[in-house]
Amino acid sequence: SMKPDLILLDIMLPVMDGFEVCRQIKANEATRHIPVVMLSAKKSKEDLVKAEQVGADRYITKPFKSAMVIATIQRLLS
């Protein structure tokens, strides 16, 4: 099975949204330690709060600069 060091997760997914995916990752003892960075075009305060509630480590809104995403990943993995 795959053991990622970090997960980049979009909110808009076809079957279940990224919030639910993140909630399930953080609820699972085997995966809760993995940092989750949520990426979204949604910029509302409600979405940011929801990301925090489901356990996202960071929430980055699109459009974003790749250097900022890389810096975020480096901070979370260091």
PDB file of N, CA and C in Angstrom:
ATOM      1  N   SER A   1       0.839  -1.188   0.000  1.00  0.00           N
ATOM      2  CA  SER A   1       0.000   0.000   0.000  1.00  0.00           C
ATOM      3  C   SER A   1       0.880   1.246   0.000  1.00  0.00           C
ATOM      4  N   MET A   2       0.340   2.320  -0.556  1.00  0.00           N
ATOM      5  CA  MET A   2       1.089   3.568  -0.665  1.00  0.00           C
ATOM      6  C   MET A   2       1.112   4.283   0.678  1.00  0.00           C
ATOM      7  N   LYS A   3       2.251   4.890   0.991  1.00  0.00           N
ATOM      8  CA  LYS A   3       2.396   5.663   2.217  1.00  0.00           C
ATOM      9  C   LYS A   3       2.960   7.032   1.848  1.00  0.00           C
ATOM     10  N   PRO A   4       2.083   7.955   1.431  1.00  0.00           N
ATOM     11  CA  PRO A   4       2.568   9.269   1.007  1.00  0.00           C
ATOM     12  C   PRO A   4       3.094  10.086   2.185  1.00  0.00           C
ATOM     13  N   ASP A   5       4.027  10.981   1.889  1.00  0.00           N
ATOM     14  CA  ASP A   5       4.552  11.900   2.897  1.00  0.00           C
ATOM     15  C   ASP A   5       3.637  13.101   3.071  1.00  0.00           C
ATOM     16  N   LEU A   6       2.876  13.419   2.013  1.00  0.00           N
ATOM     17  CA  LEU A   6       1.996  14.580   2.010  1.00  0.00           C
ATOM     18  C   LEU A   6       0.934  14.355   0.947  1.00  0.00           C
ATOM     19  N   ILE A   7      -0.249  14.928   1.147  1.00  0.00           N
ATOM     20  CA  ILE A   7      -1.332  14.792   0.174  1.00  0.00           C
ATOM     21  C   ILE A   7      -1.763  16.177  -0.285  1.00  0.00           C
ATOM     22  N   LEU A   8      -1.762  16.395  -1.609  1.00  0.00           N
ATOM     23  CA  LEU A   8      -2.352  17.586  -2.219  1.00  0.00           C
ATOM     24  C   LEU A   8      -3.748  17.190  -2.658  1.00  0.00           C
ATOM     25  N   LEU A   9      -4.750  17.921  -2.208  1.00  0.00           N
ATOM     26  CA  LEU A   9      -6.131  17.492  -2.396  1.00  0.00           C
ATOM     27  C   LEU A   9      -6.996  18.639  -2.890  1.00  0.00           C
ATOM     28  N   ASP A  10      -7.608  18.461  -4.047  1.00  0.00           N
ATOM     29  CA  ASP A  10      -8.558  19.447  -4.558  1.00  0.00           C
ATOM     30  C   ASP A  10      -9.891  19.233  -3.852  1.00  0.00           C
ATOM     31  N   ILE A  11     -10.676  20.282  -3.732  1.00  0.00           N
ATOM     32  CA  ILE A  11     -11.991  20.149  -3.100  1.00  0.00           C
ATOM     33  C   ILE A  11     -13.007  19.574  -4.080  1.00  0.00           C
ATOM     34  N   MET A  12     -12.919  19.999  -5.334  1.00  0.00           N
ATOM     35  CA  MET A  12     -13.910  19.583  -6.323  1.00  0.00           C
ATOM     36  C   MET A  12     -13.515  18.240  -6.931  1.00  0.00           C
ATOM     37  N   LEU A  13     -14.115  17.173  -6.417  1.00  0.00           N
ATOM     38  CA  LEU A  13     -13.862  15.817  -6.897  1.00  0.00           C
ATOM     39  C   LEU A  13     -15.174  15.202  -7.354  1.00  0.00           C
ATOM     40  N   PRO A  14     -15.129  14.210  -8.246  1.00  0.00           N
ATOM     41  CA  PRO A  14     -16.358  13.690  -8.847  1.00  0.00           C
ATOM     42  C   PRO A  14     -17.290  12.916  -7.908  1.00  0.00           C
ATOM     43  N   VAL A  15     -16.771  12.088  -7.026  1.00  0.00           N
ATOM     44  CA  VAL A  15     -17.648  11.231  -6.225  1.00  0.00           C
ATOM     45  C   VAL A  15     -17.926  11.829  -4.850  1.00  0.00           C
ATOM     46  N   MET A  16     -16.873  12.141  -4.116  1.00  0.00           N
ATOM     47  CA  MET A  16     -17.038  12.816  -2.828  1.00  0.00           C
ATOM     48  C   MET A  16     -16.114  14.014  -2.821  1.00  0.00           C
ATOM     49  N   ASP A  17     -16.518  15.079  -2.126  1.00  0.00           N
ATOM     50  CA  ASP A  17     -15.684  16.282  -2.174  1.00  0.00           C
ATOM     51  C   ASP A  17     -14.422  16.122  -1.327  1.00  0.00           C
ATOM     52  N   GLY A  18     -13.486  17.005  -1.557  1.00  0.00           N
ATOM     53  CA  GLY A  18     -12.203  16.942  -0.871  1.00  0.00           C
ATOM     54  C   GLY A  18     -12.316  17.075   0.638  1.00  0.00           C
ATOM     55  N   PHE A  19     -13.343  17.792   1.114  1.00  0.00           N
ATOM     56  CA  PHE A  19     -13.540  17.911   2.561  1.00  0.00           C
ATOM     57  C   PHE A  19     -13.784  16.536   3.179  1.00  0.00           C
ATOM     58  N   GLU A  20     -14.621  15.742   2.533  1.00  0.00           N
ATOM     59  CA  GLU A  20     -14.925  14.401   3.049  1.00  0.00           C
ATOM     60  C   GLU A  20     -13.705  13.492   2.949  1.00  0.00           C
ATOM     61  N   VAL A  21     -12.957  13.599   1.853  1.00  0.00           N
ATOM     62  CA  VAL A  21     -11.732  12.803   1.713  1.00  0.00           C
ATOM     63  C   VAL A  21     -10.764  13.152   2.844  1.00  0.00           C
ATOM     64  N   CYS A  22     -10.582  14.441   3.101  1.00  0.00           N
ATOM     65  CA  CYS A  22      -9.681  14.878   4.167  1.00  0.00           C
ATOM     66  C   CYS A  22     -10.180  14.380   5.520  1.00  0.00           C
ATOM     67  N   ARG A  23     -11.476  14.480   5.769  1.00  0.00           N
ATOM     68  CA  ARG A  23     -12.041  14.014   7.031  1.00  0.00           C
ATOM     69  C   ARG A  23     -11.724  12.542   7.247  1.00  0.00           C
ATOM     70  N   GLN A  24     -11.875  11.743   6.181  1.00  0.00           N
ATOM     71  CA  GLN A  24     -11.605  10.309   6.288  1.00  0.00           C
ATOM     72  C   GLN A  24     -10.114  10.030   6.506  1.00  0.00           C
ATOM     73  N   ILE A  25      -9.255  10.790   5.839  1.00  0.00           N
ATOM     74  CA  ILE A  25      -7.806  10.626   6.032  1.00  0.00           C
ATOM     75  C   ILE A  25      -7.444  10.905   7.487  1.00  0.00           C
ATOM     76  N   LYS A  26      -7.964  11.996   8.031  1.00  0.00           N
ATOM     77  CA  LYS A  26      -7.616  12.406   9.393  1.00  0.00           C
ATOM     78  C   LYS A  26      -8.313  11.555  10.457  1.00  0.00           C
ATOM     79  N   ALA A  27      -9.386  10.867  10.094  1.00  0.00           N
ATOM     80  CA  ALA A  27     -10.084   9.994  11.045  1.00  0.00           C
ATOM     81  C   ALA A  27      -9.429   8.616  11.143  1.00  0.00           C
ATOM     82  N   ASN A  28      -8.589   8.289  10.170  1.00  0.00           N
ATOM     83  CA  ASN A  28      -7.957   6.971  10.118  1.00  0.00           C
ATOM     84  C   ASN A  28      -6.619   7.010  10.857  1.00  0.00           C
ATOM     85  N   GLU A  29      -6.473   6.145  11.844  1.00  0.00           N
ATOM     86  CA  GLU A  29      -5.245   6.084  12.651  1.00  0.00           C
ATOM     87  C   GLU A  29      -3.989   5.927  11.781  1.00  0.00           C
ATOM     88  N   ALA A  30      -4.100   5.171  10.700  1.00  0.00           N
ATOM     89  CA  ALA A  30      -2.940   4.880   9.845  1.00  0.00           C
ATOM     90  C   ALA A  30      -2.529   6.063   8.969  1.00  0.00           C
ATOM     91  N   THR A  31      -3.440   7.019   8.751  1.00  0.00           N
ATOM     92  CA  THR A  31      -3.141   8.118   7.825  1.00  0.00           C
ATOM     93  C   THR A  31      -3.243   9.510   8.449  1.00  0.00           C
ATOM     94  N   ARG A  32      -3.711   9.609   9.672  1.00  0.00           N
ATOM     95  CA  ARG A  32      -3.970  10.943  10.255  1.00  0.00           C
ATOM     96  C   ARG A  32      -2.716  11.801  10.387  1.00  0.00           C
ATOM     97  N   HIS A  33      -1.544  11.178  10.425  1.00  0.00           N
ATOM     98  CA  HIS A  33      -0.292  11.933  10.562  1.00  0.00           C
ATOM     99  C   HIS A  33       0.159  12.586   9.250  1.00  0.00           C
ATOM    100  N   ILE A  34      -0.435  12.186   8.135  1.00  0.00           N
ATOM    101  CA  ILE A  34      -0.015  12.702   6.825  1.00  0.00           C
ATOM    102  C   ILE A  34      -0.560  14.121   6.634  1.00  0.00           C
ATOM    103  N   PRO A  35       0.308  15.093   6.369  1.00  0.00           N
ATOM    104  CA  PRO A  35      -0.179  16.450   6.125  1.00  0.00           C
ATOM    105  C   PRO A  35      -1.044  16.499   4.862  1.00  0.00           C
ATOM    106  N   VAL A  36      -2.146  17.250   4.948  1.00  0.00           N
ATOM    107  CA  VAL A  36      -3.046  17.429   3.808  1.00  0.00           C
ATOM    108  C   VAL A  36      -3.084  18.914   3.454  1.00  0.00           C
ATOM    109  N   VAL A  37      -2.762  19.214   2.199  1.00  0.00           N
ATOM    110  CA  VAL A  37      -2.853  20.570   1.675  1.00  0.00           C
ATOM    111  C   VAL A  37      -4.031  20.585   0.714  1.00  0.00           C
ATOM    112  N   MET A  38      -5.053  21.370   1.046  1.00  0.00           N
ATOM    113  CA  MET A  38      -6.227  21.466   0.182  1.00  0.00           C
ATOM    114  C   MET A  38      -6.030  22.620  -0.792  1.00  0.00           C
ATOM    115  N   LEU A  39      -6.377  22.368  -2.051  1.00  0.00           N
ATOM    116  CA  LEU A  39      -6.280  23.358  -3.120  1.00  0.00           C
ATOM    117  C   LEU A  39      -7.681  23.615  -3.646  1.00  0.00           C
ATOM    118  N   SER A  40      -8.047  24.891  -3.808  1.00  0.00           N
ATOM    119  CA  SER A  40      -9.406  25.169  -4.253  1.00  0.00           C
ATOM    120  C   SER A  40      -9.535  26.553  -4.860  1.00  0.00           C
ATOM    121  N   ALA A  41     -10.493  26.680  -5.761  1.00  0.00           N
ATOM    122  CA  ALA A  41     -10.865  27.992  -6.281  1.00  0.00           C
ATOM    123  C   ALA A  41     -11.833  28.671  -5.315  1.00  0.00           C
ATOM    124  N   LYS A  42     -12.374  27.911  -4.368  1.00  0.00           N
ATOM    125  CA  LYS A  42     -13.321  28.460  -3.388  1.00  0.00           C
ATOM    126  C   LYS A  42     -12.557  29.283  -2.360  1.00  0.00           C
ATOM    127  N   LYS A  43     -12.990  30.526  -2.178  1.00  0.00           N
ATOM    128  CA  LYS A  43     -12.261  31.439  -1.300  1.00  0.00           C
ATOM    129  C   LYS A  43     -13.093  31.904  -0.113  1.00  0.00           C
ATOM    130  N   SER A  44     -14.250  31.306   0.104  1.00  0.00           N
ATOM    131  CA  SER A  44     -15.120  31.792   1.174  1.00  0.00           C
ATOM    132  C   SER A  44     -14.580  31.429   2.548  1.00  0.00           C
ATOM    133  N   LYS A  45     -14.949  32.242   3.522  1.00  0.00           N
ATOM    134  CA  LYS A  45     -14.564  31.989   4.918  1.00  0.00           C
ATOM    135  C   LYS A  45     -15.111  30.635   5.365  1.00  0.00           C
ATOM    136  N   GLU A  46     -16.318  30.284   4.908  1.00  0.00           N
ATOM    137  CA  GLU A  46     -16.937  29.009   5.279  1.00  0.00           C
ATOM    138  C   GLU A  46     -16.092  27.826   4.821  1.00  0.00           C
ATOM    139  N   ASP A  47     -15.551  27.914   3.616  1.00  0.00           N
ATOM    140  CA  ASP A  47     -14.718  26.824   3.100  1.00  0.00           C
ATOM    141  C   ASP A  47     -13.415  26.710   3.883  1.00  0.00           C
ATOM    142  N   LEU A  48     -12.829  27.837   4.248  1.00  0.00           N
ATOM    143  CA  LEU A  48     -11.607  27.821   5.050  1.00  0.00           C
ATOM    144  C   LEU A  48     -11.874  27.194   6.418  1.00  0.00           C
ATOM    145  N   VAL A  49     -12.990  27.579   7.038  1.00  0.00           N
ATOM    146  CA  VAL A  49     -13.364  27.017   8.340  1.00  0.00           C
ATOM    147  C   VAL A  49     -13.622  25.519   8.215  1.00  0.00           C
ATOM    148  N   LYS A  50     -14.315  25.120   7.147  1.00  0.00           N
ATOM    149  CA  LYS A  50     -14.601  23.695   6.945  1.00  0.00           C
ATOM    150  C   LYS A  50     -13.308  22.900   6.771  1.00  0.00           C
ATOM    151  N   ALA A  51     -12.350  23.465   6.037  1.00  0.00           N
ATOM    152  CA  ALA A  51     -11.055  22.797   5.847  1.00  0.00           C
ATOM    153  C   ALA A  51     -10.369  22.588   7.197  1.00  0.00           C
ATOM    154  N   GLU A  52     -10.416  23.598   8.051  1.00  0.00           N
ATOM    155  CA  GLU A  52      -9.837  23.463   9.395  1.00  0.00           C
ATOM    156  C   GLU A  52     -10.568  22.389  10.191  1.00  0.00           C
ATOM    157  N   GLN A  53     -11.895  22.377  10.090  1.00  0.00           N
ATOM    158  CA  GLN A  53     -12.703  21.418  10.853  1.00  0.00           C
ATOM    159  C   GLN A  53     -12.422  19.971  10.460  1.00  0.00           C
ATOM    160  N   VAL A  54     -12.144  19.729   9.181  1.00  0.00           N
ATOM    161  CA  VAL A  54     -11.883  18.348   8.741  1.00  0.00           C
ATOM    162  C   VAL A  54     -10.416  17.957   8.896  1.00  0.00           C
ATOM    163  N   GLY A  55      -9.577  18.905   9.338  1.00  0.00           N
ATOM    164  CA  GLY A  55      -8.199  18.568   9.660  1.00  0.00           C
ATOM    165  C   GLY A  55      -7.144  18.931   8.635  1.00  0.00           C
ATOM    166  N   ALA A  56      -7.519  19.716   7.623  1.00  0.00           N
ATOM    167  CA  ALA A  56      -6.519  20.115   6.624  1.00  0.00           C
ATOM    168  C   ALA A  56      -5.393  20.893   7.298  1.00  0.00           C
ATOM    169  N   ASP A  57      -4.167  20.629   6.880  1.00  0.00           N
ATOM    170  CA  ASP A  57      -3.017  21.325   7.445  1.00  0.00           C
ATOM    171  C   ASP A  57      -2.824  22.694   6.815  1.00  0.00           C
ATOM    172  N   ARG A  58      -3.182  22.822   5.554  1.00  0.00           N
ATOM    173  CA  ARG A  58      -3.129  24.109   4.854  1.00  0.00           C
ATOM    174  C   ARG A  58      -4.267  24.151   3.835  1.00  0.00           C
ATOM    175  N   TYR A  59      -4.681  25.391   3.486  1.00  0.00           N
ATOM    176  CA  TYR A  59      -5.728  25.617   2.494  1.00  0.00           C
ATOM    177  C   TYR A  59      -5.205  26.695   1.563  1.00  0.00           C
ATOM    178  N   ILE A  60      -5.009  26.349   0.304  1.00  0.00           N
ATOM    179  CA  ILE A  60      -4.447  27.284  -0.676  1.00  0.00           C
ATOM    180  C   ILE A  60      -5.477  27.511  -1.773  1.00  0.00           C
ATOM    181  N   THR A  61      -5.739  28.796  -2.062  1.00  0.00           N
ATOM    182  CA  THR A  61      -6.733  29.104  -3.086  1.00  0.00           C
ATOM    183  C   THR A  61      -6.068  29.344  -4.439  1.00  0.00           C
ATOM    184  N   LYS A  62      -6.792  28.933  -5.477  1.00  0.00           N
ATOM    185  CA  LYS A  62      -6.355  29.129  -6.859  1.00  0.00           C
ATOM    186  C   LYS A  62      -6.802  30.518  -7.303  1.00  0.00           C
ATOM    187  N   PRO A  63      -6.090  31.158  -8.201  1.00  0.00           N
ATOM    188  CA  PRO A  63      -4.805  30.728  -8.735  1.00  0.00           C
ATOM    189  C   PRO A  63      -3.707  30.943  -7.690  1.00  0.00           C
ATOM    190  N   PHE A  64      -2.704  30.109  -7.741  1.00  0.00           N
ATOM    191  CA  PHE A  64      -1.608  30.234  -6.787  1.00  0.00           C
ATOM    192  C   PHE A  64      -0.282  30.175  -7.529  1.00  0.00           C
ATOM    193  N   LYS A  65       0.725  30.698  -6.901  1.00  0.00           N
ATOM    194  CA  LYS A  65       2.080  30.636  -7.461  1.00  0.00           C
ATOM    195  C   LYS A  65       2.703  29.310  -7.032  1.00  0.00           C
ATOM    196  N   SER A  66       3.319  28.618  -7.977  1.00  0.00           N
ATOM    197  CA  SER A  66       3.911  27.315  -7.656  1.00  0.00           C
ATOM    198  C   SER A  66       4.969  27.426  -6.561  1.00  0.00           C
ATOM    199  N   ALA A  67       5.693  28.542  -6.518  1.00  0.00           N
ATOM    200  CA  ALA A  67       6.723  28.722  -5.486  1.00  0.00           C
ATOM    201  C   ALA A  67       6.104  28.716  -4.092  1.00  0.00           C
ATOM    202  N   MET A  68       4.892  29.276  -3.964  1.00  0.00           N
ATOM    203  CA  MET A  68       4.215  29.297  -2.670  1.00  0.00           C
ATOM    204  C   MET A  68       3.792  27.890  -2.257  1.00  0.00           C
ATOM    205  N   VAL A  69       3.312  27.110  -3.210  1.00  0.00           N
ATOM    206  CA  VAL A  69       2.917  25.730  -2.917  1.00  0.00           C
ATOM    207  C   VAL A  69       4.150  24.911  -2.522  1.00  0.00           C
ATOM    208  N   ILE A  70       5.231  25.082  -3.251  1.00  0.00           N
ATOM    209  CA  ILE A  70       6.473  24.359  -2.937  1.00  0.00           C
ATOM    210  C   ILE A  70       6.978  24.735  -1.547  1.00  0.00           C
ATOM    211  N   ALA A  71       6.942  26.025  -1.211  1.00  0.00           N
ATOM    212  CA  ALA A  71       7.386  26.466   0.119  1.00  0.00           C
ATOM    213  C   ALA A  71       6.501  25.865   1.212  1.00  0.00           C
ATOM    214  N   THR A  72       5.202  25.800   0.967  1.00  0.00           N
ATOM    215  CA  THR A  72       4.271  25.201   1.931  1.00  0.00           C
ATOM    216  C   THR A  72       4.595  23.728   2.132  1.00  0.00           C
ATOM    217  N   ILE A  73       4.821  23.020   1.042  1.00  0.00           N
ATOM    218  CA  ILE A  73       5.163  21.592   1.116  1.00  0.00           C
ATOM    219  C   ILE A  73       6.468  21.404   1.886  1.00  0.00           C
ATOM    220  N   GLN A  74       7.465  22.219   1.571  1.00  0.00           N
ATOM    221  CA  GLN A  74       8.760  22.096   2.256  1.00  0.00           C
ATOM    222  C   GLN A  74       8.620  22.331   3.756  1.00  0.00           C
ATOM    223  N   ARG A  75       7.812  23.331   4.149  1.00  0.00           N
ATOM    224  CA  ARG A  75       7.597  23.600   5.578  1.00  0.00           C
ATOM    225  C   ARG A  75       6.924  22.419   6.262  1.00  0.00           C
ATOM    226  N   LEU A  76       5.924  21.838   5.608  1.00  0.00           N
ATOM    227  CA  LEU A  76       5.195  20.722   6.215  1.00  0.00           C
ATOM    228  C   LEU A  76       6.042  19.457   6.312  1.00  0.00           C
ATOM    229  N   LEU A  77       6.988  19.296   5.401  1.00  0.00           N
ATOM    230  CA  LEU A  77       7.812  18.084   5.400  1.00  0.00           C
ATOM    231  C   LEU A  77       9.101  18.226   6.212  1.00  0.00           C
ATOM    232  N   SER A  78       9.399  19.444   6.657  1.00  0.00           N
ATOM    233  CA  SER A  78      10.658  19.634   7.398  1.00  0.00           C
ATOM    234  C   SER A  78      10.490  19.368   8.887  1.00  0.00           C
TER     235      SER A  78
END
